[in-house]
PDB file of N, CA and C in Angstrom:
ATOM      1  N   MET A   1     -20.072  17.681   1.931  1.00  0.00           N
ATOM      2  CA  MET A   1     -19.315  17.110   0.792  1.00  0.00           C
ATOM      3  C   MET A   1     -20.526  16.590   0.044  1.00  0.00           C
ATOM      4  N   THR A   2     -20.525  16.699  -1.178  1.00  0.00           N
ATOM      5  CA  THR A   2     -21.587  16.624  -2.672  1.00  0.00           C
ATOM      6  C   THR A   2     -21.502  14.902  -2.218  1.00  0.00           C
ATOM      7  N   ILE A   3     -22.080  14.234  -3.259  1.00  0.00           N
ATOM      8  CA  ILE A   3     -22.923  12.823  -3.143  1.00  0.00           C
ATOM      9  C   ILE A   3     -20.742  12.512  -4.113  1.00  0.00           C
ATOM     10  N   LEU A   4     -21.040  13.206  -5.241  1.00  0.00           N
ATOM     11  CA  LEU A   4     -19.663  13.357  -6.023  1.00  0.00           C
ATOM     12  C   LEU A   4     -18.555  12.933  -5.676  1.00  0.00           C
ATOM     13  N   GLY A   5     -18.293  14.243  -4.816  1.00  0.00           N
ATOM     14  CA  GLY A   5     -16.830  13.983  -4.192  1.00  0.00           C
ATOM     15  C   GLY A   5     -16.681  12.878  -3.273  1.00  0.00           C
ATOM     16  N   GLU A   6     -17.805  12.698  -2.337  1.00  0.00           N
ATOM     17  CA  GLU A   6     -17.850  11.592  -1.293  1.00  0.00           C
ATOM     18  C   GLU A   6     -17.156   9.800  -2.769  1.00  0.00           C
ATOM     19  N   PHE A   7     -18.013  10.011  -3.430  1.00  0.00           N
ATOM     20  CA  PHE A   7     -18.350   8.906  -4.805  1.00  0.00           C
ATOM     21  C   PHE A   7     -16.408   8.854  -5.441  1.00  0.00           C
ATOM     22  N   LEU A   8     -16.076  10.060  -5.511  1.00  0.00           N
ATOM     23  CA  LEU A   8     -14.616  10.399  -5.867  1.00  0.00           C
ATOM     24  C   LEU A   8     -13.684  10.017  -4.984  1.00  0.00           C
ATOM     25  N   GLY A   9     -13.466  10.108  -3.968  1.00  0.00           N
ATOM     26  CA  GLY A   9     -13.152   9.794  -2.661  1.00  0.00           C
ATOM     27  C   GLY A   9     -13.158   8.632  -2.447  1.00  0.00           C
ATOM     28  N   TYR A  10     -14.109   7.877  -2.452  1.00  0.00           N
ATOM     29  CA  TYR A  10     -14.415   5.976  -2.418  1.00  0.00           C
ATOM     30  C   TYR A  10     -13.618   5.192  -3.090  1.00  0.00           C
ATOM     31  N   LEU A  11     -13.818   6.155  -4.811  1.00  0.00           N
ATOM     32  CA  LEU A  11     -13.060   5.164  -6.196  1.00  0.00           C
ATOM     33  C   LEU A  11     -11.444   5.611  -5.691  1.00  0.00           C
ATOM     34  N   ALA A  12     -11.499   6.652  -5.420  1.00  0.00           N
ATOM     35  CA  ALA A  12      -9.965   6.613  -5.344  1.00  0.00           C
ATOM     36  C   ALA A  12      -8.834   5.727  -4.084  1.00  0.00           C
ATOM     37  N   GLY A  13      -9.913   5.634  -3.536  1.00  0.00           N
ATOM     38  CA  GLY A  13      -9.784   5.087  -2.549  1.00  0.00           C
ATOM     39  C   GLY A  13      -9.437   3.146  -2.417  1.00  0.00           C
ATOM     40  N   VAL A  14     -10.004   3.122  -2.916  1.00  0.00           N
ATOM     41  CA  VAL A  14     -10.253   1.532  -3.195  1.00  0.00           C
ATOM     42  C   VAL A  14      -8.873   1.328  -4.715  1.00  0.00           C
ATOM     43  N   CYS A  15      -8.940   1.793  -5.960  1.00  0.00           N
ATOM     44  CA  CYS A  15      -8.232   2.101  -7.204  1.00  0.00           C
ATOM     45  C   CYS A  15      -6.658   1.771  -6.238  1.00  0.00           C
ATOM     46  N   VAL A  16      -6.416   2.952  -5.020  1.00  0.00           N
ATOM     47  CA  VAL A  16      -5.117   2.879  -4.660  1.00  0.00           C
ATOM     48  C   VAL A  16      -5.131   1.472  -3.531  1.00  0.00           C
ATOM     49  N   ALA A  17      -6.245   1.819  -3.053  1.00  0.00           N
ATOM     50  CA  ALA A  17      -5.932   0.049  -2.199  1.00  0.00           C
ATOM     51  C   ALA A  17      -5.653  -1.585  -2.270  1.00  0.00           C
ATOM     52  N   VAL A  18      -6.095  -1.064  -3.647  1.00  0.00           N
ATOM     53  CA  VAL A  18      -5.918  -2.446  -4.485  1.00  0.00           C
ATOM     54  C   VAL A  18      -4.707  -2.777  -5.948  1.00  0.00           C
ATOM     55  N   ALA A  19      -4.433  -1.044  -5.381  1.00  0.00           N
ATOM     56  CA  ALA A  19      -3.606  -1.531  -7.227  1.00  0.00           C
ATOM     57  C   ALA A  19      -2.361  -2.253  -6.425  1.00  0.00           C
ATOM     58  N   PHE A  20      -2.073  -2.424  -5.030  1.00  0.00           N
ATOM     59  CA  PHE A  20      -0.664  -3.435  -4.816  1.00  0.00           C
ATOM     60  C   PHE A  20      -0.813  -4.818  -4.654  1.00  0.00           C
ATOM     61  N   LEU A  21      -2.374  -5.095  -5.181  1.00  0.00           N
ATOM     62  CA  LEU A  21      -3.150  -6.353  -4.855  1.00  0.00           C
ATOM     63  C   LEU A  21      -2.281  -7.572  -5.680  1.00  0.00           C
ATOM     64  N   PRO A  22      -2.076  -7.290  -7.186  1.00  0.00           N
ATOM     65  CA  PRO A  22      -1.875  -8.180  -8.050  1.00  0.00           C
ATOM     66  C   PRO A  22      -0.579  -8.213  -7.594  1.00  0.00           C
ATOM     67  N   GLN A  23       0.442  -7.188  -7.460  1.00  0.00           N
ATOM     68  CA  GLN A  23       1.716  -7.318  -7.286  1.00  0.00           C
ATOM     69  C   GLN A  23       1.880  -8.455  -5.969  1.00  0.00           C
ATOM     70  N   THR A  24       1.339  -8.324  -5.132  1.00  0.00           N
ATOM     71  CA  THR A  24       1.522  -8.723  -3.895  1.00  0.00           C
ATOM     72  C   THR A  24       1.270 -10.216  -4.278  1.00  0.00           C
ATOM     73  N   LEU A  25      -0.031 -10.660  -4.850  1.00  0.00           N
ATOM     74  CA  LEU A  25      -0.182 -12.077  -5.299  1.00  0.00           C
ATOM     75  C   LEU A  25       0.862 -12.763  -6.112  1.00  0.00           C
ATOM     76  N   LYS A  26       1.721 -12.045  -6.915  1.00  0.00           N
ATOM     77  CA  LYS A  26       2.576 -12.641  -8.082  1.00  0.00           C
ATOM     78  C   LYS A  26       3.363 -12.520  -7.229  1.00  0.00           C
ATOM     79  N   THR A  27       4.346 -12.112  -5.998  1.00  0.00           N
ATOM     80  CA  THR A  27       5.278 -11.752  -5.443  1.00  0.00           C
ATOM     81  C   THR A  27       5.002 -13.493  -4.555  1.00  0.00           C
ATOM     82  N   ILE A  28       3.799 -13.315  -4.523  1.00  0.00           N
ATOM     83  CA  ILE A  28       3.639 -14.659  -2.912  1.00  0.00           C
ATOM     84  C   ILE A  28       3.597 -16.130  -3.669  1.00  0.00           C
ATOM     85  N   LYS A  29       3.120 -15.780  -4.743  1.00  0.00           N
ATOM     86  CA  LYS A  29       3.294 -17.022  -5.860  1.00  0.00           C
ATOM     87  C   LYS A  29       4.726 -17.162  -6.354  1.00  0.00           C
ATOM     88  N   ASP A  30       5.156 -16.829  -6.479  1.00  0.00           N
ATOM     89  CA  ASP A  30       6.810 -16.742  -7.394  1.00  0.00           C
ATOM     90  C   ASP A  30       7.684 -16.696  -6.292  1.00  0.00           C
ATOM     91  N   LYS A  31       7.872 -16.020  -5.688  1.00  0.00           N
ATOM     92  CA  LYS A  31       8.819 -15.449  -4.195  1.00  0.00           C
ATOM     93  C   LYS A  31       9.900 -15.040  -5.530  1.00  0.00           C
ATOM     94  N   ASP A  32       9.733 -14.222  -5.989  1.00  0.00           N
ATOM     95  CA  ASP A  32      10.581 -13.749  -7.062  1.00  0.00           C
ATOM     96  C   ASP A  32      10.162 -12.192  -7.186  1.00  0.00           C
ATOM     97  N   VAL A  33      11.323 -11.611  -6.194  1.00  0.00           N
ATOM     98  CA  VAL A  33      11.273 -10.343  -5.319  1.00  0.00           C
ATOM     99  C   VAL A  33      12.688  -9.831  -6.184  1.00  0.00           C
ATOM    100  N   SER A  34      13.580 -10.603  -7.413  1.00  0.00           N
ATOM    101  CA  SER A  34      14.687  -9.628  -8.215  1.00  0.00           C
ATOM    102  C   SER A  34      14.652  -8.848  -8.777  1.00  0.00           C
ATOM    103  N   GLY A  35      12.851  -7.952  -9.443  1.00  0.00           N
ATOM    104  CA  GLY A  35      13.265  -6.790  -9.828  1.00  0.00           C
ATOM    105  C   GLY A  35      12.546  -6.095  -9.093  1.00  0.00           C
ATOM    106  N   LEU A  36      12.862  -5.948  -7.868  1.00  0.00           N
ATOM    107  CA  LEU A  36      11.631  -4.888  -6.916  1.00  0.00           C
ATOM    108  C   LEU A  36      12.794  -4.334  -6.359  1.00  0.00           C
ATOM    109  N   SER A  37      12.620  -3.126  -5.722  1.00  0.00           N
ATOM    110  CA  SER A  37      13.862  -2.021  -4.849  1.00  0.00           C
ATOM    111  C   SER A  37      13.307  -2.320  -3.521  1.00  0.00           C
ATOM    112  N   LEU A  38      14.055  -2.786  -2.648  1.00  0.00           N
ATOM    113  CA  LEU A  38      13.949  -2.150  -1.250  1.00  0.00           C
ATOM    114  C   LEU A  38      13.855  -0.794  -0.772  1.00  0.00           C
ATOM    115  N   VAL A  39      14.727   0.298  -1.028  1.00  0.00           N
ATOM    116  CA  VAL A  39      14.293   1.345  -1.109  1.00  0.00           C
ATOM    117  C   VAL A  39      13.278   1.847  -1.220  1.00  0.00           C
ATOM    118  N   SER A  40      12.950   1.515  -2.174  1.00  0.00           N
ATOM    119  CA  SER A  40      11.040   2.316  -3.161  1.00  0.00           C
ATOM    120  C   SER A  40      10.505   1.611  -1.931  1.00  0.00           C
ATOM    121  N   TYR A  41      10.064   0.176  -1.720  1.00  0.00           N
ATOM    122  CA  TYR A  41       9.212  -0.635  -0.853  1.00  0.00           C
ATOM    123  C   TYR A  41       9.640   0.142   0.748  1.00  0.00           C
ATOM    124  N   ILE A  42      10.019   0.799   1.021  1.00  0.00           N
ATOM    125  CA  ILE A  42      10.691   1.597   2.528  1.00  0.00           C
ATOM    126  C   ILE A  42       9.930   2.648   2.471  1.00  0.00           C
ATOM    127  N   ILE A  43      10.583   3.275   1.278  1.00  0.00           N
ATOM    128  CA  ILE A  43       9.796   4.742   1.190  1.00  0.00           C
ATOM    129  C   ILE A  43       7.831   4.659   0.733  1.00  0.00           C
ATOM    130  N   TYR A  44       7.906   4.221   0.428  1.00  0.00           N
ATOM    131  CA  TYR A  44       6.503   3.492   0.137  1.00  0.00           C
ATOM    132  C   TYR A  44       5.799   3.604   1.184  1.00  0.00           C
ATOM    133  N   CYS A  45       6.782   2.949   1.909  1.00  0.00           N
ATOM    134  CA  CYS A  45       5.743   2.150   3.204  1.00  0.00           C
ATOM    135  C   CYS A  45       5.487   2.966   4.053  1.00  0.00           C
ATOM    136  N   THR A  46       6.741   4.001   4.644  1.00  0.00           N
ATOM    137  CA  THR A  46       6.557   5.677   5.420  1.00  0.00           C
ATOM    138  C   THR A  46       5.792   6.173   5.132  1.00  0.00           C
ATOM    139  N   GLY A  47       5.629   6.746   4.001  1.00  0.00           N
ATOM    140  CA  GLY A  47       4.989   7.430   3.315  1.00  0.00           C
ATOM    141  C   GLY A  47       2.829   6.788   3.398  1.00  0.00           C
ATOM    142  N   ILE A  48       2.477   5.600   3.312  1.00  0.00           N
ATOM    143  CA  ILE A  48       1.811   4.707   3.470  1.00  0.00           C
ATOM    144  C   ILE A  48       1.113   5.205   4.777  1.00  0.00           C
ATOM    145  N   ILE A  49       1.956   4.990   6.173  1.00  0.00           N
ATOM    146  CA  ILE A  49       2.354   4.720   7.523  1.00  0.00           C
ATOM    147  C   ILE A  49       2.172   6.394   7.572  1.00  0.00           C
ATOM    148  N   SER A  50       2.781   7.562   7.153  1.00  0.00           N
ATOM    149  CA  SER A  50       2.302   8.892   7.327  1.00  0.00           C
ATOM    150  C   SER A  50       0.547   9.357   7.076  1.00  0.00           C
ATOM    151  N   TRP A  51      -0.088   8.405   5.924  1.00  0.00           N
ATOM    152  CA  TRP A  51      -1.486   9.031   5.085  1.00  0.00           C
ATOM    153  C   TRP A  51      -2.134   8.150   6.571  1.00  0.00           C
ATOM    154  N   VAL A  52      -1.856   7.356   6.958  1.00  0.00           N
ATOM    155  CA  VAL A  52      -2.626   6.855   8.089  1.00  0.00           C
ATOM    156  C   VAL A  52      -2.930   7.644   9.439  1.00  0.00           C
ATOM    157  N   LEU A  53      -1.413   7.505   9.787  1.00  0.00           N
ATOM    158  CA  LEU A  53      -1.792   8.921  10.762  1.00  0.00           C
ATOM    159  C   LEU A  53      -2.021  10.315  10.853  1.00  0.00           C
ATOM    160  N   TYR A  54      -1.948  10.551   9.248  1.00  0.00           N
ATOM    161  CA  TYR A  54      -2.499  11.807   8.952  1.00  0.00           C
ATOM    162  C   TYR A  54      -4.653  11.855   8.674  1.00  0.00           C
ATOM    163  N   GLY A  55      -4.554  10.553   8.562  1.00  0.00           N
ATOM    164  CA  GLY A  55      -5.765  10.512   8.794  1.00  0.00           C
ATOM    165  C   GLY A  55      -6.405  10.210  10.486  1.00  0.00           C
ATOM    166  N   PHE A  56      -5.985   9.777  10.934  1.00  0.00           N
ATOM    167  CA  PHE A  56      -6.393   9.701  12.109  1.00  0.00           C
ATOM    168  C   PHE A  56      -6.028  11.091  12.998  1.00  0.00           C
ATOM    169  N   TYR A  57      -5.410  12.057  12.556  1.00  0.00           N
ATOM    170  CA  TYR A  57      -5.634  12.972  12.452  1.00  0.00           C
ATOM    171  C   TYR A  57      -6.453  13.875  12.190  1.00  0.00           C
ATOM    172  N   LEU A  58      -6.711  13.862  10.911  1.00  0.00           N
ATOM    173  CA  LEU A  58      -8.289  14.192  10.620  1.00  0.00           C
ATOM    174  C   LEU A  58      -9.493  13.682  10.624  1.00  0.00           C
ATOM    175  N   LYS A  59      -9.874  12.859  11.471  1.00  0.00           N
ATOM    176  CA  LYS A  59     -10.642  11.793  11.591  1.00  0.00           C
ATOM    177  C   LYS A  59     -11.264  11.468  10.245  1.00  0.00           C
ATOM    178  N   SER A  60     -10.396  11.237   9.614  1.00  0.00           N
ATOM    179  CA  SER A  60     -11.295  10.586   8.033  1.00  0.00           C
ATOM    180  C   SER A  60     -10.949   9.333   8.054  1.00  0.00           C
ATOM    181  N   ILE A  61     -12.187   8.274   8.256  1.00  0.00           N
ATOM    182  CA  ILE A  61     -12.372   6.967   8.038  1.00  0.00           C
ATOM    183  C   ILE A  61     -11.800   6.501   6.752  1.00  0.00           C
ATOM    184  N   GLN A  62     -11.867   7.320   5.630  1.00  0.00           N
ATOM    185  CA  GLN A  62     -11.809   6.857   4.298  1.00  0.00           C
ATOM    186  C   GLN A  62     -10.241   6.794   3.823  1.00  0.00           C
ATOM    187  N   MET A  63      -9.213   7.725   4.381  1.00  0.00           N
ATOM    188  CA  MET A  63      -8.003   8.013   4.369  1.00  0.00           C
ATOM    189  C   MET A  63      -7.308   7.034   5.437  1.00  0.00           C
ATOM    190  N   VAL A  64      -8.347   6.238   6.754  1.00  0.00           N
ATOM    191  CA  VAL A  64      -7.425   5.873   7.422  1.00  0.00           C
ATOM    192  C   VAL A  64      -7.745   4.191   6.697  1.00  0.00           C
ATOM    193  N   VAL A  65      -8.722   3.527   6.936  1.00  0.00           N
ATOM    194  CA  VAL A  65      -9.183   2.195   6.295  1.00  0.00           C
ATOM    195  C   VAL A  65      -8.397   2.191   4.824  1.00  0.00           C
ATOM    196  N   PHE A  66      -8.140   3.389   3.752  1.00  0.00           N
ATOM    197  CA  PHE A  66      -8.212   2.844   2.133  1.00  0.00           C
ATOM    198  C   PHE A  66      -6.435   2.745   2.160  1.00  0.00           C
ATOM    199  N   ASN A  67      -6.113   3.905   2.850  1.00  0.00           N
ATOM    200  CA  ASN A  67      -4.417   3.555   3.582  1.00  0.00           C
ATOM    201  C   ASN A  67      -4.051   2.124   3.960  1.00  0.00           C
ATOM    202  N   ALA A  68      -4.384   1.914   4.968  1.00  0.00           N
ATOM    203  CA  ALA A  68      -4.344   0.934   6.010  1.00  0.00           C
ATOM    204  C   ALA A  68      -3.843  -0.713   4.744  1.00  0.00           C
ATOM    205  N   ILE A  69      -4.820  -0.402   3.898  1.00  0.00           N
ATOM    206  CA  ILE A  69      -5.661  -2.117   3.227  1.00  0.00           C
ATOM    207  C   ILE A  69      -3.555  -1.504   2.240  1.00  0.00           C
ATOM    208  N   SER A  70      -3.718  -0.719   1.478  1.00  0.00           N
ATOM    209  CA  SER A  70      -2.277  -0.017   0.998  1.00  0.00           C
ATOM    210  C   SER A  70      -1.357  -0.837   1.688  1.00  0.00           C
ATOM    211  N   LEU A  71      -0.940  -0.663   2.861  1.00  0.00           N
ATOM    212  CA  LEU A  71      -0.221  -1.168   4.075  1.00  0.00           C
ATOM    213  C   LEU A  71       0.104  -2.088   3.761  1.00  0.00           C
ATOM    214  N   ILE A  72      -1.347  -2.770   3.890  1.00  0.00           N
ATOM    215  CA  ILE A  72      -0.960  -3.835   4.118  1.00  0.00           C
ATOM    216  C   ILE A  72       0.080  -4.925   3.568  1.00  0.00           C
ATOM    217  N   PHE A  73      -0.700  -4.325   2.197  1.00  0.00           N
ATOM    218  CA  PHE A  73      -0.334  -5.258   0.517  1.00  0.00           C
ATOM    219  C   PHE A  73       0.659  -4.995   0.384  1.00  0.00           C
ATOM    220  N   ALA A  74       1.574  -3.743   0.549  1.00  0.00           N
ATOM    221  CA  ALA A  74       3.005  -3.275   0.160  1.00  0.00           C
ATOM    222  C   ALA A  74       3.332  -3.511   1.587  1.00  0.00           C
ATOM    223  N   GLY A  75       3.555  -4.006   2.252  1.00  0.00           N
ATOM    224  CA  GLY A  75       4.534  -4.364   3.859  1.00  0.00           C
ATOM    225  C   GLY A  75       4.028  -5.595   3.437  1.00  0.00           C
ATOM    226  N   ILE A  76       3.722  -7.040   3.101  1.00  0.00           N
ATOM    227  CA  ILE A  76       3.537  -7.990   2.679  1.00  0.00           C
ATOM    228  C   ILE A  76       4.936  -8.188   1.493  1.00  0.00           C
ATOM    229  N   VAL A  77       4.457  -7.417   0.485  1.00  0.00           N
ATOM    230  CA  VAL A  77       5.977  -6.968  -0.451  1.00  0.00           C
ATOM    231  C   VAL A  77       7.502  -6.719   0.250  1.00  0.00           C
ATOM    232  N   LEU A  78       7.054  -5.875   1.348  1.00  0.00           N
ATOM    233  CA  LEU A  78       8.190  -5.731   1.318  1.00  0.00           C
ATOM    234  C   LEU A  78       8.666  -6.382   2.278  1.00  0.00           C
ATOM    235  N   TYR A  79       7.996  -7.185   2.749  1.00  0.00           N
ATOM    236  CA  TYR A  79       8.735  -8.127   3.925  1.00  0.00           C
ATOM    237  C   TYR A  79       8.906  -9.776   3.265  1.00  0.00           C
ATOM    238  N   MET A  80       8.762  -9.870   2.145  1.00  0.00           N
ATOM    239  CA  MET A  80       8.854 -10.758   1.144  1.00  0.00           C
ATOM    240  C   MET A  80      10.335 -10.209   0.179  1.00  0.00           C
ATOM    241  N   ILE A  81      10.649  -9.100   0.024  1.00  0.00           N
ATOM    242  CA  ILE A  81      11.783  -8.437  -0.774  1.00  0.00           C
ATOM    243  C   ILE A  81      13.061  -8.743   0.750  1.00  0.00           C
ATOM    244  N   ILE A  82      12.604  -8.159   1.938  1.00  0.00           N
ATOM    245  CA  ILE A  82      14.019  -8.581   2.578  1.00  0.00           C
ATOM    246  C   ILE A  82      14.181 -10.245   3.156  1.00  0.00           C
ATOM    247  N   ARG A  83      13.171 -10.670   2.795  1.00  0.00           N
ATOM    248  CA  ARG A  83      13.243 -12.258   3.114  1.00  0.00           C
ATOM    249  C   ARG A  83      14.094 -12.587   2.224  1.00  0.00           C
ATOM    250  N   TYR A  84      13.494 -12.894   0.446  1.00  0.00           N
ATOM    251  CA  TYR A  84      14.383 -13.319  -0.272  1.00  0.00           C
ATOM    252  C   TYR A  84      14.910 -12.820  -1.226  1.00  0.00           C
ATOM    253  N   LYS A  85      15.407 -11.437  -1.000  1.00  0.00           N
ATOM    254  CA  LYS A  85      16.088 -10.725  -1.794  1.00  0.00           C
ATOM    255  C   LYS A  85      17.483 -11.478  -1.694  1.00  0.00           C
ATOM    256  N   LYS A  86      18.209 -12.152  -2.580  1.00  0.00           N
ATOM    257  CA  LYS A  86      19.938 -12.253  -2.894  1.00  0.00           C
ATOM    258  C   LYS A  86      20.459 -11.245  -2.895  1.00  0.00           C
ATOM    259  N   LYS A  87      21.358 -11.984  -1.454  1.00  0.00           N
ATOM    260  CA  LYS A  87      22.709 -11.167  -1.901  1.00  0.00           C
ATOM    261  C   LYS A  87      23.630 -11.214  -2.883  1.00  0.00           C
ATOM    262  N   LYS A  88      23.856  -9.867  -3.100  1.00  0.00           N
ATOM    263  CA  LYS A  88      24.892  -9.789  -4.389  1.00  0.00           C
ATOM    264  C   LYS A  88      26.257  -9.819  -3.249  1.00  0.00           C
TER     265      LYS A  88
END
């Protein structure tokens, strides 16, 4: 792979991994999950787990590491949705 290809892979990985950081920090701070969808986060976390497993299959450290970071952030939000979602 070229240096440009490696750079783009790392750039994409960092962007995707930290994309959920602001939402995670805001959710931890406010404990307000009223605007968040439980089903969406379950589907998203399932997809990220699949990407991590696929990364192991391909022996792609980038794919495993960056998706694992994404899973941590999205998993925290998912946990908070389950914990703080008000029963309707």
